[in-house]
Each structure stands twice: as structure tokens, then as C-alpha cells.
PDB file of N, CA and C in Angstrom:
ATOM      1  N   UNK A   1      85.070  81.602  85.897  1.00  0.00           N
ATOM      2  CA  UNK A   1      85.570  80.703  86.938  1.00  0.00           C
ATOM      3  C   UNK A   1      87.011  81.098  87.284  1.00  0.00           C
ATOM      4  N   UNK A   2      87.314  81.162  88.534  1.00  0.00           N
ATOM      5  CA  UNK A   2      88.643  81.541  88.999  1.00  0.00           C
ATOM      6  C   UNK A   2      89.632  80.397  88.777  1.00  0.00           C
ATOM      7  N   UNK A   3      90.864  80.771  88.531  1.00  0.00           N
ATOM      8  CA  UNK A   3      91.919  79.779  88.363  1.00  0.00           C
ATOM      9  C   UNK A   3      92.516  79.428  89.725  1.00  0.00           C
ATOM     10  N   UNK A   4      92.880  78.178  89.887  1.00  0.00           N
ATOM     11  CA  UNK A   4      93.406  77.689  91.162  1.00  0.00           C
ATOM     12  C   UNK A   4      94.849  78.123  91.405  1.00  0.00           C
ATOM     13  N   UNK A   5      95.663  78.074  90.357  1.00  0.00           N
ATOM     14  CA  UNK A   5      97.062  78.484  90.476  1.00  0.00           C
ATOM     15  C   UNK A   5      97.110  79.964  90.128  1.00  0.00           C
ATOM     16  N   UNK A   6      97.071  80.804  91.157  1.00  0.00           N
ATOM     17  CA  UNK A   6      96.990  82.240  90.942  1.00  0.00           C
ATOM     18  C   UNK A   6      97.950  82.964  91.891  1.00  0.00           C
ATOM     19  N   UNK A   7      97.934  84.276  91.824  1.00  0.00           N
ATOM     20  CA  UNK A   7      98.839  85.089  92.647  1.00  0.00           C
ATOM     21  C   UNK A   7      98.657  84.809  94.135  1.00  0.00           C
ATOM     22  N   UNK A   8      97.408  84.701  94.581  1.00  0.00           N
ATOM     23  CA  UNK A   8      97.143  84.464  96.007  1.00  0.00           C
ATOM     24  C   UNK A   8      97.723  83.124  96.461  1.00  0.00           C
ATOM     25  N   UNK A   9      97.556  82.084  95.636  1.00  0.00           N
ATOM     26  CA  UNK A   9      98.100  80.775  95.997  1.00  0.00           C
ATOM     27  C   UNK A   9      99.626  80.828  96.031  1.00  0.00           C
ATOM     28  N   UNK A  10     100.232  81.464  95.035  1.00  0.00           N
ATOM     29  CA  UNK A  10     101.696  81.550  94.992  1.00  0.00           C
ATOM     30  C   UNK A  10     102.246  82.303  96.200  1.00  0.00           C
ATOM     31  N   UNK A  11     101.579  83.377  96.595  1.00  0.00           N
ATOM     32  CA  UNK A  11     102.028  84.126  97.777  1.00  0.00           C
ATOM     33  C   UNK A  11     101.875  83.298  99.044  1.00  0.00           C
ATOM     34  N   UNK A  12     100.757  82.604  99.180  1.00  0.00           N
ATOM     35  CA  UNK A  12     100.571  81.745 100.347  1.00  0.00           C
ATOM     36  C   UNK A  12     101.650  80.671 100.386  1.00  0.00           C
ATOM     37  N   UNK A  13     101.913  80.035  99.246  1.00  0.00           N
ATOM     38  CA  UNK A  13     102.911  78.971  99.190  1.00  0.00           C
ATOM     39  C   UNK A  13     104.305  79.514  99.498  1.00  0.00           C
ATOM     40  N   UNK A  14     104.607  80.694  99.015  1.00  0.00           N
ATOM     41  CA  UNK A  14     105.896  81.338  99.289  1.00  0.00           C
ATOM     42  C   UNK A  14     106.127  81.470 100.798  1.00  0.00           C
ATOM     43  N   UNK A  15     105.187  82.040 101.505  1.00  0.00           N
ATOM     44  CA  UNK A  15     105.319  82.221 102.961  1.00  0.00           C
ATOM     45  C   UNK A  15     105.261  80.888 103.699  1.00  0.00           C
ATOM     46  N   UNK A  16     104.427  79.992 103.216  1.00  0.00           N
ATOM     47  CA  UNK A  16     104.294  78.685 103.862  1.00  0.00           C
ATOM     48  C   UNK A  16     105.601  77.893 103.744  1.00  0.00           C
ATOM     49  N   UNK A  17     106.236  77.948 102.580  1.00  0.00           N
ATOM     50  CA  UNK A  17     107.512  77.250 102.410  1.00  0.00           C
ATOM     51  C   UNK A  17     108.577  77.825 103.338  1.00  0.00           C
ATOM     52  N   UNK A  18     108.638  79.143 103.455  1.00  0.00           N
ATOM     53  CA  UNK A  18     109.608  79.764 104.354  1.00  0.00           C
ATOM     54  C   UNK A  18     109.383  79.296 105.793  1.00  0.00           C
ATOM     55  N   UNK A  19     108.133  79.252 106.233  1.00  0.00           N
ATOM     56  CA  UNK A  19     107.819  78.770 107.590  1.00  0.00           C
ATOM     57  C   UNK A  19     108.121  77.289 107.740  1.00  0.00           C
ATOM     58  N   UNK A  20     107.851  76.516 106.707  1.00  0.00           N
ATOM     59  CA  UNK A  20     108.134  75.083 106.750  1.00  0.00           C
ATOM     60  C   UNK A  20     109.633  74.839 106.837  1.00  0.00           C
ATOM     61  N   UNK A  21     110.411  75.558 106.025  1.00  0.00           N
ATOM     62  CA  UNK A  21     111.867  75.417 106.083  1.00  0.00           C
ATOM     63  C   UNK A  21     112.377  75.745 107.486  1.00  0.00           C
ATOM     64  N   UNK A  22     111.806  76.740 108.132  1.00  0.00           N
ATOM     65  CA  UNK A  22     112.231  77.140 109.481  1.00  0.00           C
ATOM     66  C   UNK A  22     111.994  76.036 110.505  1.00  0.00           C
ATOM     67  N   UNK A  23     111.036  75.140 110.243  1.00  0.00           N
ATOM     68  CA  UNK A  23     110.734  74.034 111.156  1.00  0.00           C
ATOM     69  C   UNK A  23     111.455  72.735 110.780  1.00  0.00           C
ATOM     70  N   UNK A  24     112.309  72.782 109.773  1.00  0.00           N
ATOM     71  CA  UNK A  24     112.974  71.568 109.293  1.00  0.00           C
ATOM     72  C   UNK A  24     113.955  71.019 110.322  1.00  0.00           C
ATOM     73  N   UNK A  25     114.051  69.688 110.421  1.00  0.00           N
ATOM     74  CA  UNK A  25     115.066  69.094 111.291  1.00  0.00           C
ATOM     75  C   UNK A  25     116.475  69.242 110.704  1.00  0.00           C
ATOM     76  N   UNK A  26     116.573  69.563 109.418  1.00  0.00           N
ATOM     77  CA  UNK A  26     117.852  69.715 108.723  1.00  0.00           C
ATOM     78  C   UNK A  26     118.326  71.169 108.847  1.00  0.00           C
ATOM     79  N   UNK A  27     119.454  71.384 109.484  1.00  0.00           N
ATOM     80  CA  UNK A  27     119.966  72.740 109.716  1.00  0.00           C
ATOM     81  C   UNK A  27     120.208  73.495 108.410  1.00  0.00           C
ATOM     82  N   UNK A  28     120.601  72.791 107.340  1.00  0.00           N
ATOM     83  CA  UNK A  28     120.832  73.466 106.054  1.00  0.00           C
ATOM     84  C   UNK A  28     119.538  74.033 105.482  1.00  0.00           C
ATOM     85  N   UNK A  29     118.435  73.387 105.764  1.00  0.00           N
ATOM     86  CA  UNK A  29     117.138  73.822 105.236  1.00  0.00           C
ATOM     87  C   UNK A  29     116.558  74.946 106.092  1.00  0.00           C
ATOM     88  N   UNK A  30     116.816  74.900 107.406  1.00  0.00           N
ATOM     89  CA  UNK A  30     116.235  75.899 108.323  1.00  0.00           C
ATOM     90  C   UNK A  30     116.578  77.336 107.941  1.00  0.00           C
ATOM     91  N   UNK A  31     117.717  77.567 107.345  1.00  0.00           N
ATOM     92  CA  UNK A  31     118.116  78.924 106.988  1.00  0.00           C
ATOM     93  C   UNK A  31     117.568  79.416 105.654  1.00  0.00           C
ATOM     94  N   UNK A  32     116.928  78.539 104.909  1.00  0.00           N
ATOM     95  CA  UNK A  32     116.405  78.919 103.591  1.00  0.00           C
ATOM     96  C   UNK A  32     115.108  79.695 103.700  1.00  0.00           C
ATOM     97  N   UNK A  33     114.829  80.463 102.680  1.00  0.00           N
ATOM     98  CA  UNK A  33     113.535  81.108 102.582  1.00  0.00           C
ATOM     99  C   UNK A  33     113.149  81.211 101.118  1.00  0.00           C
ATOM    100  N   UNK A  34     111.874  81.318 100.881  1.00  0.00           N
ATOM    101  CA  UNK A  34     111.325  81.424  99.533  1.00  0.00           C
ATOM    102  C   UNK A  34     110.940  82.881  99.299  1.00  0.00           C
ATOM    103  N   UNK A  35     111.397  83.422  98.183  1.00  0.00           N
ATOM    104  CA  UNK A  35     111.150  84.831  97.880  1.00  0.00           C
ATOM    105  C   UNK A  35     110.265  85.012  96.644  1.00  0.00           C
ATOM    106  N   UNK A  36     109.489  83.998  96.325  1.00  0.00           N
ATOM    107  CA  UNK A  36     108.554  84.136  95.213  1.00  0.00           C
ATOM    108  C   UNK A  36     108.438  82.869  94.397  1.00  0.00           C
ATOM    109  N   UNK A  37     107.308  82.746  93.731  1.00  0.00           N
ATOM    110  CA  UNK A  37     107.032  81.620  92.843  1.00  0.00           C
ATOM    111  C   UNK A  37     106.503  82.197  91.539  1.00  0.00           C
ATOM    112  N   UNK A  38     107.098  81.748  90.451  1.00  0.00           N
ATOM    113  CA  UNK A  38     106.695  82.225  89.131  1.00  0.00           C
ATOM    114  C   UNK A  38     105.643  81.302  88.524  1.00  0.00           C
ATOM    115  N   UNK A  39     104.823  81.824  87.629  1.00  0.00           N
ATOM    116  CA  UNK A  39     103.940  80.937  86.871  1.00  0.00           C
ATOM    117  C   UNK A  39     104.790  80.115  85.898  1.00  0.00           C
ATOM    118  N   UNK A  40     104.277  78.990  85.425  1.00  0.00           N
ATOM    119  CA  UNK A  40     105.035  78.197  84.446  1.00  0.00           C
ATOM    120  C   UNK A  40     105.369  79.024  83.205  1.00  0.00           C
ATOM    121  N   UNK A  41     106.479  78.683  82.559  1.00  0.00           N
ATOM    122  CA  UNK A  41     106.914  79.404  81.363  1.00  0.00           C
ATOM    123  C   UNK A  41     105.918  79.240  80.215  1.00  0.00           C
ATOM    124  N   UNK A  42     105.230  78.110  80.186  1.00  0.00           N
ATOM    125  CA  UNK A  42     104.259  77.825  79.127  1.00  0.00           C
ATOM    126  C   UNK A  42     102.869  77.796  79.753  1.00  0.00           C
ATOM    127  N   UNK A  43     102.009  78.724  79.331  1.00  0.00           N
ATOM    128  CA  UNK A  43     100.663  78.838  79.909  1.00  0.00           C
ATOM    129  C   UNK A  43      99.842  77.559  79.798  1.00  0.00           C
ATOM    130  N   UNK A  44     100.066  76.782  78.738  1.00  0.00           N
ATOM    131  CA  UNK A  44      99.259  75.572  78.538  1.00  0.00           C
ATOM    132  C   UNK A  44      99.485  74.541  79.644  1.00  0.00           C
ATOM    133  N   UNK A  45     100.564  74.686  80.409  1.00  0.00           N
ATOM    134  CA  UNK A  45     100.807  73.762  81.523  1.00  0.00           C
ATOM    135  C   UNK A  45      99.792  73.940  82.644  1.00  0.00           C
ATOM    136  N   UNK A  46      99.062  75.058  82.614  1.00  0.00           N
ATOM    137  CA  UNK A  46      98.079  75.313  83.663  1.00  0.00           C
ATOM    138  C   UNK A  46      96.657  74.958  83.246  1.00  0.00           C
ATOM    139  N   UNK A  47      96.467  74.451  82.032  1.00  0.00           N
ATOM    140  CA  UNK A  47      95.107  74.073  81.634  1.00  0.00           C
ATOM    141  C   UNK A  47      94.635  72.915  82.499  1.00  0.00           C
ATOM    142  N   UNK A  48      93.356  72.855  82.715  1.00  0.00           N
ATOM    143  CA  UNK A  48      92.812  71.781  83.558  1.00  0.00           C
ATOM    144  C   UNK A  48      93.119  70.411  82.962  1.00  0.00           C
ATOM    145  N   UNK A  49      93.053  70.292  81.651  1.00  0.00           N
ATOM    146  CA  UNK A  49      93.339  69.011  81.008  1.00  0.00           C
ATOM    147  C   UNK A  49      94.789  68.604  81.258  1.00  0.00           C
ATOM    148  N   UNK A  50      95.715  69.539  81.041  1.00  0.00           N
ATOM    149  CA  UNK A  50      97.130  69.215  81.230  1.00  0.00           C
ATOM    150  C   UNK A  50      97.415  68.812  82.681  1.00  0.00           C
ATOM    151  N   UNK A  51      96.909  69.589  83.622  1.00  0.00           N
ATOM    152  CA  UNK A  51      97.154  69.286  85.037  1.00  0.00           C
ATOM    153  C   UNK A  51      96.481  67.969  85.420  1.00  0.00           C
ATOM    154  N   UNK A  52      95.293  67.710  84.904  1.00  0.00           N
ATOM    155  CA  UNK A  52      94.620  66.443  85.197  1.00  0.00           C
ATOM    156  C   UNK A  52      95.413  65.263  84.628  1.00  0.00           C
ATOM    157  N   UNK A  53      95.947  65.417  83.418  1.00  0.00           N
ATOM    158  CA  UNK A  53      96.705  64.334  82.784  1.00  0.00           C
ATOM    159  C   UNK A  53      98.045  64.082  83.468  1.00  0.00           C
ATOM    160  N   UNK A  54      98.742  65.154  83.862  1.00  0.00           N
ATOM    161  CA  UNK A  54     100.087  65.003  84.431  1.00  0.00           C
ATOM    162  C   UNK A  54     100.103  64.990  85.953  1.00  0.00           C
ATOM    163  N   UNK A  55      99.047  65.533  86.564  1.00  0.00           N
ATOM    164  CA  UNK A  55      98.920  65.638  88.017  1.00  0.00           C
ATOM    165  C   UNK A  55     100.060  66.447  88.650  1.00  0.00           C
ATOM    166  N   UNK A  56     100.533  67.430  87.880  1.00  0.00           N
ATOM    167  CA  UNK A  56     101.643  68.253  88.367  1.00  0.00           C
ATOM    168  C   UNK A  56     101.651  69.606  87.685  1.00  0.00           C
ATOM    169  N   UNK A  57     102.291  70.557  88.355  1.00  0.00           N
ATOM    170  CA  UNK A  57     102.572  71.872  87.789  1.00  0.00           C
ATOM    171  C   UNK A  57     104.077  72.068  87.938  1.00  0.00           C
ATOM    172  N   UNK A  58     104.749  72.338  86.830  1.00  0.00           N
ATOM    173  CA  UNK A  58     106.197  72.531  86.846  1.00  0.00           C
ATOM    174  C   UNK A  58     106.470  74.015  86.641  1.00  0.00           C
ATOM    175  N   UNK A  59     107.190  74.586  87.583  1.00  0.00           N
ATOM    176  CA  UNK A  59     107.437  76.024  87.540  1.00  0.00           C
ATOM    177  C   UNK A  59     108.779  76.339  88.204  1.00  0.00           C
ATOM    178  N   UNK A  60     108.930  77.562  88.679  1.00  0.00           N
ATOM    179  CA  UNK A  60     110.190  78.029  89.253  1.00  0.00           C
ATOM    180  C   UNK A  60     109.920  78.796  90.542  1.00  0.00           C
ATOM    181  N   UNK A  61     110.834  78.643  91.500  1.00  0.00           N
ATOM    182  CA  UNK A  61     110.741  79.385  92.762  1.00  0.00           C
ATOM    183  C   UNK A  61     112.082  80.054  93.042  1.00  0.00           C
ATOM    184  N   UNK A  62     112.030  81.177  93.742  1.00  0.00           N
ATOM    185  CA  UNK A  62     113.235  81.864  94.197  1.00  0.00           C
ATOM    186  C   UNK A  62     113.494  81.416  95.631  1.00  0.00           C
ATOM    187  N   UNK A  63     114.595  80.686  95.839  1.00  0.00           N
ATOM    188  CA  UNK A  63     114.905  80.121  97.158  1.00  0.00           C
ATOM    189  C   UNK A  63     116.374  80.371  97.463  1.00  0.00           C
ATOM    190  N   UNK A  64     116.679  80.601  98.721  1.00  0.00           N
ATOM    191  CA  UNK A  64     118.071  80.756  99.088  1.00  0.00           C
ATOM    192  C   UNK A  64     118.238  81.215 100.519  1.00  0.00           C
ATOM    193  N   UNK A  65     119.471  81.535 100.836  1.00  0.00           N
ATOM    194  CA  UNK A  65     119.810  82.079 102.146  1.00  0.00           C
ATOM    195  C   UNK A  65     119.816  83.596 101.976  1.00  0.00           C
ATOM    196  N   UNK A  66     120.971  84.178 101.762  1.00  0.00           N
ATOM    197  CA  UNK A  66     121.058  85.612 101.457  1.00  0.00           C
ATOM    198  C   UNK A  66     121.112  85.846  99.952  1.00  0.00           C
ATOM    199  N   UNK A  67     121.589  84.844  99.243  1.00  0.00           N
ATOM    200  CA  UNK A  67     121.693  84.924  97.783  1.00  0.00           C
ATOM    201  C   UNK A  67     120.599  84.047  97.163  1.00  0.00           C
ATOM    202  N   UNK A  68     119.520  84.665  96.800  1.00  0.00           N
ATOM    203  CA  UNK A  68     118.372  83.940  96.261  1.00  0.00           C
ATOM    204  C   UNK A  68     118.714  83.397  94.877  1.00  0.00           C
ATOM    205  N   UNK A  69     118.354  82.125  94.646  1.00  0.00           N
ATOM    206  CA  UNK A  69     118.619  81.477  93.364  1.00  0.00           C
ATOM    207  C   UNK A  69     117.337  80.855  92.833  1.00  0.00           C
ATOM    208  N   UNK A  70     117.329  80.616  91.530  1.00  0.00           N
ATOM    209  CA  UNK A  70     116.182  79.950  90.914  1.00  0.00           C
ATOM    210  C   UNK A  70     116.251  78.455  91.186  1.00  0.00           C
ATOM    211  N   UNK A  71     115.142  77.909  91.644  1.00  0.00           N
ATOM    212  CA  UNK A  71     115.002  76.476  91.865  1.00  0.00           C
ATOM    213  C   UNK A  71     113.887  75.967  90.961  1.00  0.00           C
ATOM    214  N   UNK A  72     114.072  74.791  90.400  1.00  0.00           N
ATOM    215  CA  UNK A  72     112.971  74.141  89.710  1.00  0.00           C
ATOM    216  C   UNK A  72     111.964  73.707  90.759  1.00  0.00           C
ATOM    217  N   UNK A  73     110.699  73.984  90.520  1.00  0.00           N
ATOM    218  CA  UNK A  73     109.638  73.635  91.473  1.00  0.00           C
ATOM    219  C   UNK A  73     108.614  72.755  90.777  1.00  0.00           C
ATOM    220  N   UNK A  74     108.421  71.567  91.307  1.00  0.00           N
ATOM    221  CA  UNK A  74     107.382  70.669  90.815  1.00  0.00           C
ATOM    222  C   UNK A  74     106.343  70.525  91.910  1.00  0.00           C
ATOM    223  N   UNK A  75     105.108  70.877  91.573  1.00  0.00           N
ATOM    224  CA  UNK A  75     103.994  70.770  92.512  1.00  0.00           C
ATOM    225  C   UNK A  75     103.163  69.568  92.102  1.00  0.00           C
ATOM    226  N   UNK A  76     103.191  68.524  92.917  1.00  0.00           N
ATOM    227  CA  UNK A  76     102.403  67.322  92.645  1.00  0.00           C
ATOM    228  C   UNK A  76     101.048  67.465  93.316  1.00  0.00           C
ATOM    229  N   UNK A  77      99.998  67.189  92.577  1.00  0.00           N
ATOM    230  CA  UNK A  77      98.650  67.325  93.115  1.00  0.00           C
ATOM    231  C   UNK A  77      98.123  65.968  93.564  1.00  0.00           C
ATOM    232  N   UNK A  78      97.673  65.909  94.810  1.00  0.00           N
ATOM    233  CA  UNK A  78      97.026  64.715  95.336  1.00  0.00           C
ATOM    234  C   UNK A  78      95.557  64.715  94.929  1.00  0.00           C
ATOM    235  N   UNK A  79      94.818  63.752  95.411  1.00  0.00           N
ATOM    236  CA  UNK A  79      93.400  63.626  95.042  1.00  0.00           C
ATOM    237  C   UNK A  79      92.593  64.883  95.335  1.00  0.00           C
ATOM    238  N   UNK A  80      92.737  65.370  96.554  1.00  0.00           N
ATOM    239  CA  UNK A  80      91.949  66.526  96.982  1.00  0.00           C
ATOM    240  C   UNK A  80      92.285  67.771  96.155  1.00  0.00           C
ATOM    241  N   UNK A  81      93.576  68.047  96.002  1.00  0.00           N
ATOM    242  CA  UNK A  81      93.978  69.242  95.251  1.00  0.00           C
ATOM    243  C   UNK A  81      93.647  69.104  93.766  1.00  0.00           C
ATOM    244  N   UNK A  82      93.749  67.911  93.218  1.00  0.00           N
ATOM    245  CA  UNK A  82      93.402  67.702  91.812  1.00  0.00           C
ATOM    246  C   UNK A  82      91.913  67.952  91.580  1.00  0.00           C
ATOM    247  N   UNK A  83      91.097  67.481  92.491  1.00  0.00           N
ATOM    248  CA  UNK A  83      89.651  67.710  92.388  1.00  0.00           C
ATOM    249  C   UNK A  83      89.350  69.211  92.473  1.00  0.00           C
ATOM    250  N   UNK A  84      89.989  69.894  93.397  1.00  0.00           N
ATOM    251  CA  UNK A  84      89.767  71.337  93.542  1.00  0.00           C
ATOM    252  C   UNK A  84      90.277  72.091  92.309  1.00  0.00           C
ATOM    253  N   UNK A  85      91.413  71.680  91.782  1.00  0.00           N
ATOM    254  CA  UNK A  85      91.960  72.334  90.591  1.00  0.00           C
ATOM    255  C   UNK A  85      91.018  72.161  89.403  1.00  0.00           C
ATOM    256  N   UNK A  86      90.497  70.962  89.233  1.00  0.00           N
ATOM    257  CA  UNK A  86      89.613  70.693  88.089  1.00  0.00           C
ATOM    258  C   UNK A  86      88.332  71.520  88.151  1.00  0.00           C
ATOM    259  N   UNK A  87      87.963  71.959  89.337  1.00  0.00           N
ATOM    260  CA  UNK A  87      86.753  72.774  89.504  1.00  0.00           C
ATOM    261  C   UNK A  87      87.066  74.269  89.594  1.00  0.00           C
ATOM    262  N   UNK A  88      88.349  74.606  89.543  1.00  0.00           N
ATOM    263  CA  UNK A  88      88.740  76.008  89.610  1.00  0.00           C
ATOM    264  C   UNK A  88      88.698  76.592  91.008  1.00  0.00           C
ATOM    265  N   UNK A  89      88.714  75.719  92.028  1.00  0.00           N
ATOM    266  CA  UNK A  89      88.665  76.181  93.415  1.00  0.00           C
ATOM    267  C   UNK A  89      90.068  76.482  93.938  1.00  0.00           C
ATOM    268  N   UNK A  90      90.129  77.214  95.012  1.00  0.00           N
ATOM    269  CA  UNK A  90      91.390  77.571  95.648  1.00  0.00           C
ATOM    270  C   UNK A  90      92.143  76.321  96.116  1.00  0.00           C
ATOM    271  N   UNK A  91      93.464  76.383  95.999  1.00  0.00           N
ATOM    272  CA  UNK A  91      94.320  75.293  96.481  1.00  0.00           C
ATOM    273  C   UNK A  91      94.917  75.599  97.851  1.00  0.00           C
ATOM    274  N   UNK A  92      94.528  76.721  98.433  1.00  0.00           N
ATOM    275  CA  UNK A  92      95.164  77.149  99.677  1.00  0.00           C
ATOM    276  C   UNK A  92      95.018  76.143 100.807  1.00  0.00           C
ATOM    277  N   UNK A  93      93.889  75.462 100.891  1.00  0.00           N
ATOM    278  CA  UNK A  93      93.725  74.488 101.977  1.00  0.00           C
ATOM    279  C   UNK A  93      94.276  73.111 101.610  1.00  0.00           C
ATOM    280  N   UNK A  94      94.989  73.019 100.493  1.00  0.00           N
ATOM    281  CA  UNK A  94      95.605  71.761 100.069  1.00  0.00           C
ATOM    282  C   UNK A  94      97.075  71.683 100.460  1.00  0.00           C
ATOM    283  N   UNK A  95      97.596  72.752 101.053  1.00  0.00           N
ATOM    284  CA  UNK A  95      99.003  72.801 101.444  1.00  0.00           C
ATOM    285  C   UNK A  95      99.142  72.140 102.816  1.00  0.00           C
ATOM    286  N   UNK A  96     100.014  71.124 102.925  1.00  0.00           N
ATOM    287  CA  UNK A  96     100.176  70.428 104.208  1.00  0.00           C
ATOM    288  C   UNK A  96     100.727  71.325 105.316  1.00  0.00           C
ATOM    289  N   UNK A  97     100.704  70.806 106.523  1.00  0.00           N
ATOM    290  CA  UNK A  97     101.111  71.532 107.718  1.00  0.00           C
ATOM    291  C   UNK A  97     102.575  71.963 107.644  1.00  0.00           C
ATOM    292  N   UNK A  98     102.844  73.195 108.071  1.00  0.00           N
ATOM    293  CA  UNK A  98     104.202  73.748 108.017  1.00  0.00           C
ATOM    294  C   UNK A  98     105.158  73.081 108.998  1.00  0.00           C
ATOM    295  N   UNK A  99     104.638  72.398 109.986  1.00  0.00           N
ATOM    296  CA  UNK A  99     105.508  71.798 110.996  1.00  0.00           C
ATOM    297  C   UNK A  99     105.953  70.391 110.628  1.00  0.00           C
ATOM    298  N   UNK A 100     105.554  69.919 109.451  1.00  0.00           N
ATOM    299  CA  UNK A 100     106.019  68.621 108.971  1.00  0.00           C
ATOM    300  C   UNK A 100     106.853  68.836 107.722  1.00  0.00           C
ATOM    301  N   UNK A 101     107.768  67.926 107.474  1.00  0.00           N
ATOM    302  CA  UNK A 101     108.625  68.067 106.295  1.00  0.00           C
ATOM    303  C   UNK A 101     108.465  66.901 105.328  1.00  0.00           C
ATOM    304  N   UNK A 102     107.458  66.065 105.560  1.00  0.00           N
ATOM    305  CA  UNK A 102     107.293  64.890 104.704  1.00  0.00           C
ATOM    306  C   UNK A 102     106.553  65.185 103.404  1.00  0.00           C
ATOM    307  N   UNK A 103     106.156  66.418 103.182  1.00  0.00           N
ATOM    308  CA  UNK A 103     105.409  66.764 101.977  1.00  0.00           C
ATOM    309  C   UNK A 103     106.259  67.472 100.926  1.00  0.00           C
ATOM    310  N   UNK A 104     107.558  67.608 101.206  1.00  0.00           N
ATOM    311  CA  UNK A 104     108.440  68.202 100.199  1.00  0.00           C
ATOM    312  C   UNK A 104     109.765  67.457 100.158  1.00  0.00           C
ATOM    313  N   UNK A 105     110.399  67.522  98.998  1.00  0.00           N
ATOM    314  CA  UNK A 105     111.735  66.979  98.805  1.00  0.00           C
ATOM    315  C   UNK A 105     112.576  68.097  98.213  1.00  0.00           C
ATOM    316  N   UNK A 106     113.676  68.401  98.867  1.00  0.00           N
ATOM    317  CA  UNK A 106     114.518  69.515  98.448  1.00  0.00           C
ATOM    318  C   UNK A 106     115.922  69.008  98.160  1.00  0.00           C
ATOM    319  N   UNK A 107     116.425  69.310  96.974  1.00  0.00           N
ATOM    320  CA  UNK A 107     117.806  69.009  96.612  1.00  0.00           C
ATOM    321  C   UNK A 107     118.515  70.348  96.419  1.00  0.00           C
ATOM    322  N   UNK A 108     119.260  70.763  97.436  1.00  0.00           N
ATOM    323  CA  UNK A 108     119.921  72.065  97.409  1.00  0.00           C
ATOM    324  C   UNK A 108     120.985  72.112  96.316  1.00  0.00           C
ATOM    325  N   UNK A 109     121.720  71.014  96.128  1.00  0.00           N
ATOM    326  CA  UNK A 109     122.789  70.997  95.124  1.00  0.00           C
ATOM    327  C   UNK A 109     122.253  71.122  93.701  1.00  0.00           C
ATOM    328  N   UNK A 110     121.152  70.450  93.422  1.00  0.00           N
ATOM    329  CA  UNK A 110     120.562  70.501  92.073  1.00  0.00           C
ATOM    330  C   UNK A 110     119.546  71.632  91.917  1.00  0.00           C
ATOM    331  N   UNK A 111     119.281  72.319  93.022  1.00  0.00           N
ATOM    332  CA  UNK A 111     118.299  73.414  93.035  1.00  0.00           C
ATOM    333  C   UNK A 111     116.929  72.937  92.532  1.00  0.00           C
ATOM    334  N   UNK A 112     116.451  71.894  93.157  1.00  0.00           N
ATOM    335  CA  UNK A 112     115.148  71.325  92.812  1.00  0.00           C
ATOM    336  C   UNK A 112     114.306  71.166  94.070  1.00  0.00           C
ATOM    337  N   UNK A 113     113.046  71.541  93.970  1.00  0.00           N
ATOM    338  CA  UNK A 113     112.096  71.377  95.067  1.00  0.00           C
ATOM    339  C   UNK A 113     110.850  70.712  94.512  1.00  0.00           C
ATOM    340  N   UNK A 114     110.428  69.657  95.173  1.00  0.00           N
ATOM    341  CA  UNK A 114     109.182  68.980  94.808  1.00  0.00           C
ATOM    342  C   UNK A 114     108.271  69.025  96.025  1.00  0.00           C
ATOM    343  N   UNK A 115     107.040  69.479  95.823  1.00  0.00           N
ATOM    344  CA  UNK A 115     106.082  69.498  96.922  1.00  0.00           C
ATOM    345  C   UNK A 115     104.869  68.672  96.539  1.00  0.00           C
ATOM    346  N   UNK A 116     104.245  68.103  97.554  1.00  0.00           N
ATOM    347  CA  UNK A 116     103.069  67.257  97.350  1.00  0.00           C
ATOM    348  C   UNK A 116     101.890  67.869  98.099  1.00  0.00           C
ATOM    349  N   UNK A 117     100.915  68.348  97.331  1.00  0.00           N
ATOM    350  CA  UNK A 117      99.701  68.893  97.931  1.00  0.00           C
ATOM    351  C   UNK A 117      98.778  67.761  98.339  1.00  0.00           C
ATOM    352  N   UNK A 118      97.861  68.052  99.242  1.00  0.00           N
ATOM    353  CA  UNK A 118      96.891  67.053  99.692  1.00  0.00           C
ATOM    354  C   UNK A 118      95.963  66.681  98.558  1.00  0.00           C
TER     355      UNK A 118
END
């Protein structure tokens, strides 16, 4: 069975975040881009049981303007994405529309990004 949080999903999310930031009403966010997403430091955070219990994946993303920095990334799973994750299905269609900004919270000063999948 294929894993839901994989290289393809991370690459899609990387480009999707960059496009979403470009559509932000906040000028400080519009200039940001994402240059990669790492897997969690502890593999057990990706087990289906752990993700089902916590409903989140905590990892790291490279985000910045010209000077890319590490940001803490918390991916919150909604009903649809949690169901797909528990079955090992792709999460690619769980990422909200790039033209809206209500599915993420970004704290540039603390270098924290939280996203909410469908």
C-alpha cells in the first residue's frame, strides 16, 4: 500500500504553497516561496495510528524570500484527508484552492506555518 505523505505530495504542496503565497492579500506573504518540505524527523509520526490519533503531521519546510529559512510546518488533516490517509490514498486532492488564504496560518516572525487540508 502506498503512503500518503510521500515525495509527490511534498512536491505538490511545495509548489502549491508558493502559488498560494503569490495570491495572498498580505504583501509580506506575496514575496515568499517554498523551496521544499522535509519528512518528519521521527518516522513514527507518519504511522496511520499516530496521524489518526493526533490528526496532524509535524514537519519542516524551507520558506523565504531570497534567504530560505527553516519553518516549522504543521499539517492538520480534515475529515476527507484523514480518511484518505488512513487508507493510504494520495492527499493531493485534499489541498485547498491556491487563490484562498483561509486554509493556512503563517507567522513569519516565529517561522511557523500551519495548513489545514480538506
